[in-house]
N, C-alpha and C. Protein backbone atom coordinates (compact mmCIF):
# COMPACT_ATOMS: atom_id res chain seq x y z
N MET A 1 5.88 18.07 -9.95
CA MET A 1 6.29 17.28 -8.81
C MET A 1 7.63 16.62 -9.14
N THR A 2 8.52 16.63 -8.19
CA THR A 2 9.83 16.04 -8.39
C THR A 2 9.75 14.52 -8.22
N GLU A 3 10.71 13.85 -8.80
CA GLU A 3 10.77 12.39 -8.68
C GLU A 3 11.09 12.01 -7.22
N PRO A 4 10.44 10.98 -6.71
CA PRO A 4 10.72 10.56 -5.34
C PRO A 4 12.10 9.91 -5.25
N THR A 5 12.73 10.10 -4.11
CA THR A 5 14.01 9.46 -3.87
C THR A 5 13.78 8.00 -3.51
N GLN A 6 14.83 7.22 -3.50
CA GLN A 6 14.72 5.81 -3.10
C GLN A 6 14.19 5.71 -1.68
N GLU A 7 14.61 6.61 -0.81
CA GLU A 7 14.12 6.60 0.57
C GLU A 7 12.62 6.88 0.61
N ASP A 8 12.14 7.83 -0.22
CA ASP A 8 10.71 8.12 -0.30
C ASP A 8 9.93 6.89 -0.75
N ILE A 9 10.46 6.20 -1.74
CA ILE A 9 9.79 5.00 -2.26
C ILE A 9 9.69 3.94 -1.16
N GLU A 10 10.76 3.75 -0.41
CA GLU A 10 10.75 2.76 0.66
C GLU A 10 9.79 3.16 1.77
N LEU A 11 9.72 4.46 2.08
CA LEU A 11 8.78 4.93 3.09
C LEU A 11 7.34 4.75 2.62
N LEU A 12 7.08 4.97 1.34
CA LEU A 12 5.75 4.77 0.80
C LEU A 12 5.36 3.29 0.87
N ARG A 13 6.28 2.42 0.54
CA ARG A 13 6.00 0.98 0.64
C ARG A 13 5.63 0.60 2.07
N ALA A 14 6.40 1.11 3.02
CA ALA A 14 6.14 0.82 4.42
C ALA A 14 4.79 1.37 4.86
N ALA A 15 4.43 2.56 4.38
CA ALA A 15 3.15 3.17 4.74
C ALA A 15 1.98 2.39 4.15
N VAL A 16 2.10 1.96 2.91
CA VAL A 16 1.04 1.16 2.28
C VAL A 16 0.86 -0.14 3.05
N ARG A 17 1.97 -0.81 3.35
CA ARG A 17 1.89 -2.08 4.09
C ARG A 17 1.29 -1.86 5.47
N ALA A 18 1.74 -0.84 6.18
CA ALA A 18 1.23 -0.57 7.53
C ALA A 18 -0.27 -0.29 7.51
N TYR A 19 -0.72 0.51 6.54
CA TYR A 19 -2.14 0.82 6.44
C TYR A 19 -2.96 -0.45 6.27
N LEU A 20 -2.52 -1.34 5.39
CA LEU A 20 -3.28 -2.56 5.13
C LEU A 20 -3.17 -3.58 6.26
N VAL A 21 -2.00 -3.64 6.90
CA VAL A 21 -1.83 -4.56 8.03
C VAL A 21 -2.76 -4.17 9.17
N GLN A 22 -2.87 -2.87 9.44
CA GLN A 22 -3.70 -2.40 10.55
C GLN A 22 -5.18 -2.62 10.29
N ARG A 23 -5.55 -2.85 9.04
CA ARG A 23 -6.96 -3.04 8.69
C ARG A 23 -7.27 -4.45 8.19
N ARG A 24 -6.35 -5.36 8.39
CA ARG A 24 -6.51 -6.74 7.94
C ARG A 24 -7.71 -7.37 8.63
N PRO A 25 -8.55 -8.11 7.99
CA PRO A 25 -8.48 -8.69 6.66
C PRO A 25 -9.18 -7.87 5.58
N ALA A 26 -9.59 -6.64 5.88
CA ALA A 26 -10.29 -5.83 4.87
C ALA A 26 -9.37 -5.55 3.68
N ALA A 27 -9.99 -5.35 2.52
CA ALA A 27 -9.25 -5.05 1.30
C ALA A 27 -9.68 -3.68 0.79
N PHE A 28 -8.74 -2.92 0.23
CA PHE A 28 -8.99 -1.55 -0.20
C PHE A 28 -8.48 -1.31 -1.61
N ALA A 29 -9.20 -0.47 -2.34
CA ALA A 29 -8.77 -0.05 -3.67
C ALA A 29 -7.64 0.97 -3.53
N VAL A 30 -6.87 1.13 -4.58
CA VAL A 30 -5.74 2.07 -4.57
C VAL A 30 -6.20 3.47 -4.22
N ALA A 31 -7.33 3.90 -4.76
CA ALA A 31 -7.82 5.25 -4.47
C ALA A 31 -8.08 5.44 -2.98
N SER A 32 -8.60 4.43 -2.33
CA SER A 32 -8.85 4.50 -0.89
C SER A 32 -7.56 4.55 -0.09
N ILE A 33 -6.60 3.73 -0.49
CA ILE A 33 -5.30 3.72 0.19
C ILE A 33 -4.62 5.07 0.02
N HIS A 34 -4.62 5.57 -1.21
CA HIS A 34 -3.99 6.87 -1.49
C HIS A 34 -4.65 7.97 -0.66
N GLY A 35 -5.97 8.00 -0.66
CA GLY A 35 -6.68 9.03 0.11
C GLY A 35 -6.36 8.97 1.59
N ALA A 36 -6.31 7.78 2.14
CA ALA A 36 -6.00 7.63 3.57
C ALA A 36 -4.59 8.08 3.88
N LEU A 37 -3.63 7.71 3.04
CA LEU A 37 -2.23 8.11 3.29
C LEU A 37 -2.09 9.62 3.23
N VAL A 38 -2.76 10.25 2.29
CA VAL A 38 -2.68 11.71 2.14
C VAL A 38 -3.42 12.42 3.27
N ASN A 39 -4.67 12.02 3.51
CA ASN A 39 -5.49 12.70 4.51
C ASN A 39 -4.95 12.55 5.93
N ARG A 40 -4.36 11.42 6.21
CA ARG A 40 -3.80 11.18 7.55
C ARG A 40 -2.34 11.57 7.65
N ARG A 41 -1.81 12.09 6.55
CA ARG A 41 -0.41 12.54 6.49
C ARG A 41 0.56 11.45 6.95
N LEU A 42 0.35 10.24 6.41
CA LEU A 42 1.22 9.12 6.77
C LEU A 42 2.53 9.13 6.01
N VAL A 43 2.63 9.98 5.01
CA VAL A 43 3.89 10.26 4.33
C VAL A 43 4.04 11.77 4.24
N ASP A 44 5.27 12.25 4.30
CA ASP A 44 5.49 13.70 4.32
C ASP A 44 6.02 14.25 3.00
N PHE A 45 5.61 13.63 1.91
CA PHE A 45 5.97 14.08 0.58
C PHE A 45 4.78 13.80 -0.33
N PRO A 46 4.67 14.54 -1.43
CA PRO A 46 3.51 14.34 -2.30
C PRO A 46 3.56 12.98 -3.00
N ILE A 47 2.39 12.32 -3.06
CA ILE A 47 2.30 11.02 -3.72
C ILE A 47 1.09 11.02 -4.65
N THR A 48 1.14 10.13 -5.62
CA THR A 48 0.03 9.96 -6.55
C THR A 48 -0.56 8.57 -6.37
N ALA A 49 -1.77 8.39 -6.86
CA ALA A 49 -2.40 7.08 -6.81
C ALA A 49 -1.60 6.07 -7.64
N GLU A 50 -0.98 6.53 -8.73
CA GLU A 50 -0.16 5.64 -9.55
C GLU A 50 1.04 5.11 -8.77
N GLN A 51 1.65 5.96 -7.96
CA GLN A 51 2.77 5.51 -7.14
C GLN A 51 2.31 4.49 -6.10
N VAL A 52 1.15 4.73 -5.51
CA VAL A 52 0.60 3.78 -4.54
C VAL A 52 0.34 2.44 -5.21
N ALA A 53 -0.24 2.47 -6.41
CA ALA A 53 -0.51 1.23 -7.15
C ALA A 53 0.78 0.48 -7.46
N ARG A 54 1.81 1.21 -7.88
CA ARG A 54 3.09 0.59 -8.21
C ARG A 54 3.70 -0.08 -6.98
N GLU A 55 3.65 0.59 -5.83
CA GLU A 55 4.25 0.02 -4.62
C GLU A 55 3.40 -1.12 -4.08
N ALA A 56 2.09 -1.06 -4.24
CA ALA A 56 1.24 -2.18 -3.83
C ALA A 56 1.55 -3.41 -4.68
N ASP A 57 1.75 -3.20 -5.98
CA ASP A 57 2.13 -4.33 -6.84
C ASP A 57 3.50 -4.89 -6.45
N PHE A 58 4.43 -4.00 -6.09
CA PHE A 58 5.75 -4.45 -5.64
C PHE A 58 5.61 -5.32 -4.38
N LEU A 59 4.82 -4.84 -3.41
CA LEU A 59 4.62 -5.60 -2.18
C LEU A 59 3.90 -6.92 -2.44
N GLU A 60 3.02 -6.91 -3.42
CA GLU A 60 2.36 -8.16 -3.79
C GLU A 60 3.38 -9.16 -4.34
N GLY A 61 4.33 -8.65 -5.12
CA GLY A 61 5.39 -9.50 -5.64
C GLY A 61 6.25 -10.12 -4.55
N LEU A 62 6.36 -9.43 -3.42
CA LEU A 62 7.10 -9.97 -2.28
C LEU A 62 6.26 -10.92 -1.44
N GLY A 63 4.98 -11.04 -1.78
CA GLY A 63 4.09 -11.90 -1.02
C GLY A 63 3.51 -11.26 0.22
N GLN A 64 3.68 -9.93 0.37
CA GLN A 64 3.21 -9.23 1.56
C GLN A 64 1.79 -8.70 1.40
N LEU A 65 1.33 -8.57 0.17
CA LEU A 65 -0.05 -8.16 -0.12
C LEU A 65 -0.64 -9.14 -1.12
N THR A 66 -1.94 -9.15 -1.17
CA THR A 66 -2.65 -9.89 -2.20
C THR A 66 -3.75 -8.99 -2.72
N HIS A 67 -4.27 -9.30 -3.88
CA HIS A 67 -5.38 -8.49 -4.38
C HIS A 67 -6.53 -9.38 -4.84
N HIS A 68 -7.69 -8.77 -4.81
CA HIS A 68 -8.91 -9.39 -5.28
C HIS A 68 -9.52 -8.42 -6.27
N ARG A 69 -10.11 -8.91 -7.31
CA ARG A 69 -10.76 -8.03 -8.30
C ARG A 69 -12.24 -7.91 -7.99
N ALA A 70 -12.78 -6.74 -8.31
CA ALA A 70 -14.22 -6.52 -8.15
C ALA A 70 -14.96 -7.50 -9.05
N GLU A 71 -16.05 -8.01 -8.56
CA GLU A 71 -16.80 -9.03 -9.30
C GLU A 71 -17.29 -8.51 -10.65
N LEU A 72 -17.67 -7.27 -10.72
CA LEU A 72 -18.23 -6.72 -11.95
C LEU A 72 -17.29 -5.75 -12.66
N GLY A 73 -16.04 -5.77 -12.32
CA GLY A 73 -15.10 -4.84 -12.93
C GLY A 73 -13.68 -5.31 -12.81
N SER A 74 -12.76 -4.36 -12.95
CA SER A 74 -11.35 -4.72 -12.91
C SER A 74 -10.60 -4.02 -11.77
N THR A 75 -11.31 -3.37 -10.87
CA THR A 75 -10.66 -2.69 -9.76
C THR A 75 -9.99 -3.71 -8.85
N LYS A 76 -8.74 -3.44 -8.51
CA LYS A 76 -8.01 -4.31 -7.58
C LYS A 76 -8.23 -3.81 -6.15
N PHE A 77 -8.51 -4.74 -5.27
CA PHE A 77 -8.63 -4.44 -3.84
C PHE A 77 -7.52 -5.19 -3.13
N TYR A 78 -6.64 -4.46 -2.47
CA TYR A 78 -5.46 -5.04 -1.82
C TYR A 78 -5.72 -5.30 -0.35
N SER A 79 -5.12 -6.38 0.14
CA SER A 79 -5.13 -6.68 1.57
C SER A 79 -3.78 -7.28 1.95
N ALA A 80 -3.47 -7.21 3.23
CA ALA A 80 -2.19 -7.73 3.72
C ALA A 80 -2.28 -9.24 3.88
N THR A 81 -1.17 -9.91 3.63
CA THR A 81 -1.06 -11.35 3.88
C THR A 81 -0.40 -11.55 5.24
N SER A 82 -0.35 -12.79 5.69
CA SER A 82 0.34 -13.07 6.95
C SER A 82 1.83 -12.73 6.83
N ALA A 83 2.41 -12.91 5.63
CA ALA A 83 3.81 -12.53 5.43
C ALA A 83 3.97 -11.01 5.55
N GLY A 84 2.98 -10.26 5.10
CA GLY A 84 3.02 -8.80 5.23
C GLY A 84 2.91 -8.37 6.68
N VAL A 85 2.07 -9.05 7.44
CA VAL A 85 1.95 -8.74 8.87
C VAL A 85 3.27 -9.00 9.57
N LEU A 86 3.87 -10.15 9.27
CA LEU A 86 5.16 -10.49 9.89
C LEU A 86 6.23 -9.49 9.52
N ALA A 87 6.31 -9.10 8.26
CA ALA A 87 7.31 -8.12 7.81
C ALA A 87 7.09 -6.77 8.49
N HIS A 88 5.83 -6.38 8.64
CA HIS A 88 5.51 -5.12 9.32
C HIS A 88 5.94 -5.16 10.78
N GLU A 89 5.64 -6.26 11.45
CA GLU A 89 6.00 -6.39 12.86
C GLU A 89 7.51 -6.41 13.06
N ARG A 90 8.22 -7.04 12.15
CA ARG A 90 9.68 -7.11 12.27
C ARG A 90 10.35 -5.78 11.95
N ALA A 91 9.66 -4.93 11.20
CA ALA A 91 10.24 -3.64 10.80
C ALA A 91 10.12 -2.59 11.88
N ARG A 92 9.35 -2.85 12.89
CA ARG A 92 9.15 -1.84 13.95
C ARG A 92 10.38 -1.63 14.76
């Protein structure tokens, strides 16, 4: 697989944010987000779960996502924040 371009990375960030904003306040694990983006063809280039995790962490750093850990494990479940909803709405 070739390295994603900067435009691909930005599109992936937008797709991750949009997926979580549309399902707010529910929280999803990276594997679920990755599967949904791939199965629904929300991006038109190949992506990995690691890339989704990296971009979710980036969006969390911007305050647009937050995560919760599973009570009995270390799985992160991401959800959109109000800042993420606002950023998504302004990007349309």
